[in-house]
Protein backbone atom coordinates (compact mmCIF):
# COMPACT_ATOMS: atom_id res chain seq x y z
CA UNK A 1 175.50 -76.03 203.19
CA UNK A 2 172.11 -75.68 205.06
CA UNK A 3 171.99 -73.70 208.28
CA UNK A 4 171.85 -76.73 210.48
CA UNK A 5 175.09 -78.04 209.15
CA UNK A 6 176.65 -74.55 209.31
CA UNK A 7 175.82 -74.28 212.93
CA UNK A 8 177.22 -77.76 213.67
CA UNK A 9 180.41 -76.95 211.74
CA UNK A 10 180.72 -73.74 213.81
CA UNK A 11 180.33 -75.76 217.05
CA UNK A 12 183.35 -78.00 216.41
CA UNK A 13 186.07 -75.26 216.97
CA UNK A 14 184.27 -74.17 220.16
CA UNK A 15 184.11 -77.74 221.34
CA UNK A 16 187.82 -78.44 220.54
CA UNK A 17 188.81 -75.29 222.32
CA UNK A 18 186.65 -76.24 225.35
CA UNK A 19 188.21 -79.63 225.47
CA UNK A 20 191.72 -78.28 225.23
CA UNK A 21 191.03 -75.88 228.14
CA UNK A 22 189.53 -78.66 230.16
CA UNK A 23 192.64 -80.66 229.80
CA UNK A 24 194.96 -77.96 231.13
CA UNK A 25 196.49 -78.54 234.59
CA UNK A 26 195.44 -77.00 237.90
CA UNK A 27 197.77 -75.64 240.55
CA UNK A 28 198.49 -79.12 241.75
CA UNK A 29 199.77 -80.33 238.54
CA UNK A 30 196.72 -82.44 237.82
CA UNK A 31 194.25 -81.77 235.08
CA UNK A 32 190.53 -82.09 235.17
CA UNK A 33 189.97 -83.40 231.70
CA UNK A 34 186.47 -83.94 230.20
CA UNK A 35 186.70 -87.64 230.12
CA UNK A 36 188.07 -89.32 233.28
CA UNK A 37 188.88 -87.32 236.33
CA UNK A 38 192.59 -86.66 236.85
CA UNK A 39 193.88 -87.10 233.30
CA UNK A 40 193.71 -84.38 230.67
CA UNK A 41 192.95 -86.95 228.07
CA UNK A 42 191.48 -90.39 229.13
CA UNK A 43 193.83 -93.24 229.01
CA UNK A 44 192.68 -96.35 227.37
CA UNK A 45 191.71 -97.83 230.64
CA UNK A 46 189.71 -94.76 231.60
CA UNK A 47 187.94 -94.72 228.24
CA UNK A 48 187.09 -98.35 228.47
CA UNK A 49 185.65 -97.76 232.08
CA UNK A 50 183.61 -94.60 230.72
CA UNK A 51 182.36 -96.57 227.68
CA UNK A 52 181.53 -99.92 228.84
CA UNK A 53 182.01 -100.13 232.57
CA UNK A 54 185.57 -101.54 232.82
CA UNK A 55 185.69 -105.12 232.03
CA UNK A 56 181.98 -105.21 231.04
CA UNK A 57 180.59 -105.70 227.61
CA UNK A 58 179.19 -102.67 225.81
CA UNK A 59 175.55 -102.67 224.99
CA UNK A 60 174.19 -101.25 221.69
CA UNK A 61 170.66 -100.38 221.45
CA UNK A 62 168.14 -98.46 219.21
CA UNK A 63 166.96 -95.12 220.58
CA UNK A 64 164.72 -92.44 219.11
CA UNK A 65 166.43 -89.22 218.02
CA UNK A 66 164.29 -86.28 216.84
CA UNK A 67 164.54 -85.72 213.02
CA UNK A 68 166.48 -89.01 212.52
CA UNK A 69 164.17 -91.60 214.11
CA UNK A 70 165.53 -94.84 215.63
CA UNK A 71 169.41 -94.95 215.57
CA UNK A 72 172.10 -96.86 217.39
CA UNK A 73 172.68 -95.58 220.94
CA UNK A 74 174.84 -96.55 223.96
CA UNK A 75 173.48 -98.06 227.07
CA UNK A 76 172.97 -94.60 228.45
CA UNK A 77 171.16 -93.40 225.25
CA UNK A 78 173.97 -91.51 223.48
CA UNK A 79 173.99 -91.50 219.82
CA UNK A 80 176.56 -93.72 217.98
CA UNK A 81 178.26 -92.56 214.68
CA UNK A 82 180.41 -94.02 211.95
CA UNK A 83 183.41 -92.10 210.45
CA UNK A 84 183.91 -92.07 206.63
CA UNK A 85 187.78 -91.96 207.15
CA UNK A 86 187.77 -95.48 208.68
CA UNK A 87 188.90 -98.21 206.47
CA UNK A 88 186.64 -101.26 206.94
CA UNK A 89 186.74 -102.10 210.65
CA UNK A 90 190.02 -100.23 211.18
CA UNK A 91 189.68 -96.90 213.00
CA UNK A 92 191.30 -93.71 211.91
CA UNK A 93 190.22 -91.67 214.84
CA UNK A 94 192.98 -91.28 217.48
CA UNK A 95 194.47 -88.56 219.71
CA UNK A 96 192.54 -85.15 219.30
CA UNK A 97 189.96 -86.92 217.21
CA UNK A 98 189.24 -89.56 219.95
CA UNK A 99 188.70 -86.73 222.48
CA UNK A 100 185.98 -85.31 220.42
CA UNK A 101 184.66 -88.59 219.07
CA UNK A 102 185.24 -91.16 221.91
CA UNK A 103 185.18 -94.68 220.42
CA UNK A 104 182.70 -97.09 222.01
CA UNK A 105 185.02 -99.56 223.81
CA UNK A 106 184.17 -102.83 225.33
CA UNK A 107 185.56 -105.29 227.86
CA UNK A 108 183.80 -108.27 226.32
CA UNK A 109 181.46 -109.30 223.62
CA UNK A 110 179.23 -106.42 222.80
CA UNK A 111 175.49 -107.05 223.59
CA UNK A 112 172.59 -106.20 221.42
CA UNK A 113 169.42 -104.60 222.81
CA UNK A 114 166.13 -103.08 221.86
CA UNK A 115 166.13 -104.04 218.21
CA UNK A 116 169.80 -104.27 217.32
CA UNK A 117 171.20 -107.36 215.62
CA UNK A 118 173.72 -109.50 217.37
CA UNK A 119 174.87 -110.67 213.93
CA UNK A 120 175.93 -107.15 212.96
CA UNK A 121 177.74 -106.42 216.25
CA UNK A 122 181.46 -106.99 216.23
CA UNK A 123 184.72 -105.69 217.58
CA UNK A 124 188.04 -104.36 216.17
CA UNK A 125 191.33 -104.07 218.06
CA UNK A 126 192.65 -100.49 218.08
CA UNK A 127 196.23 -99.66 217.70
CA UNK A 128 196.49 -98.80 221.58
CA UNK A 129 195.18 -102.40 222.40
CA UNK A 130 191.77 -101.43 223.35
CA UNK A 131 188.72 -103.08 221.73
CA UNK A 132 186.19 -101.00 219.87
CA UNK A 133 182.63 -102.11 219.11
CA UNK A 134 181.63 -102.25 215.43
CA UNK A 135 178.21 -102.53 213.77
CA UNK A 136 177.70 -103.70 210.19
CA UNK A 137 181.55 -103.40 209.90
CA UNK A 138 181.58 -99.71 211.02
CA UNK A 139 183.67 -98.75 214.25
CA UNK A 140 181.32 -96.92 216.49
CA UNK A 141 181.90 -93.47 218.24
CA UNK A 142 180.05 -91.17 220.50
CA UNK A 143 180.25 -87.43 220.16
CA UNK A 144 181.41 -85.10 222.95
CA UNK A 145 178.99 -82.35 222.03
CA UNK A 146 176.01 -84.84 222.59
CA UNK A 147 175.44 -83.81 226.30
CA UNK A 148 172.24 -85.90 226.80
CA UNK A 149 170.38 -88.92 225.45
CA UNK A 150 168.48 -88.22 222.17
CA UNK A 151 170.94 -85.59 220.73
CA UNK A 152 172.76 -86.13 217.45
CA UNK A 153 174.77 -82.96 217.12
CA UNK A 154 177.45 -84.96 215.26
CA UNK A 155 175.13 -86.28 212.55
CA UNK A 156 176.05 -85.19 208.89
CA UNK A 157 179.05 -83.05 209.79
CA UNK A 158 182.53 -83.01 208.40
CA UNK A 159 185.19 -83.24 211.21
CA UNK A 160 188.78 -84.52 211.39
CA UNK A 161 188.93 -85.02 207.56
CA UNK A 162 185.68 -86.92 206.80
CA UNK A 163 181.90 -87.03 207.46
CA UNK A 164 180.20 -88.58 210.48
CA UNK A 165 176.72 -90.11 210.47
CA UNK A 166 174.41 -91.70 213.03
CA UNK A 167 173.58 -95.40 212.15
CA UNK A 168 170.21 -97.02 211.98
CA UNK A 169 169.66 -100.71 213.04
CA UNK A 170 170.00 -101.78 209.62
CA UNK A 171 173.66 -100.62 209.66
CA UNK A 172 172.81 -97.86 207.07
CA UNK A 173 173.46 -94.14 207.72
CA UNK A 174 170.44 -92.20 208.98
CA UNK A 175 169.12 -89.43 206.70
CA UNK A 176 167.81 -86.18 208.04
C-alpha cells in the first residue's frame, strides 16, 4: 500500500468517529448532525435537499481534480465516486456507509453539464424510496471527507467492504 493510500485509510476511522460525535444530541434533545441541521443523520428528504435542492434535478459535470484530471463532480464541484460493492445499478451503501458516502440523490431527471453524457446518466430507486443518480450504470456518491471542490480523498480507498473510485466522463474509473 502506498503512503497516500495508507494516509487515506487512516483518515476513515477519524472521519467515522467525527460523524458519530456530530450526531450526538445536545442538551435540548436535538442533534447537530453533519448533514442536515437538526437530525443526527439526514433523513431521505434532507439528503435529497442537500444533494439536489429538494425537488430539483441533480446536475453531473466534469471538474478537474489534481492528480486525477477531469472527473465527475456535483453541481458544487464535489467529486463523485462509484462503489465496487454495488451490484449493477443497485446500491449497497446505506446507514453508516451513506453517512460517510452520501448518495447523489435527485428530484428529477439528472442533467448533464460541462462534458458529461446525457446518455450515460440515469437513476436507480434506493430501498428507502429516494432516487439516486447513476452514470454508466454506477450509482454515484460523494465523500464526507471531501470538504471543498477539487478534493478526491475517497479515490482508490477501501471502505465499507469494497473500493471506491472517482469516475471519468467515459464512465471508467480514474487512475492516479
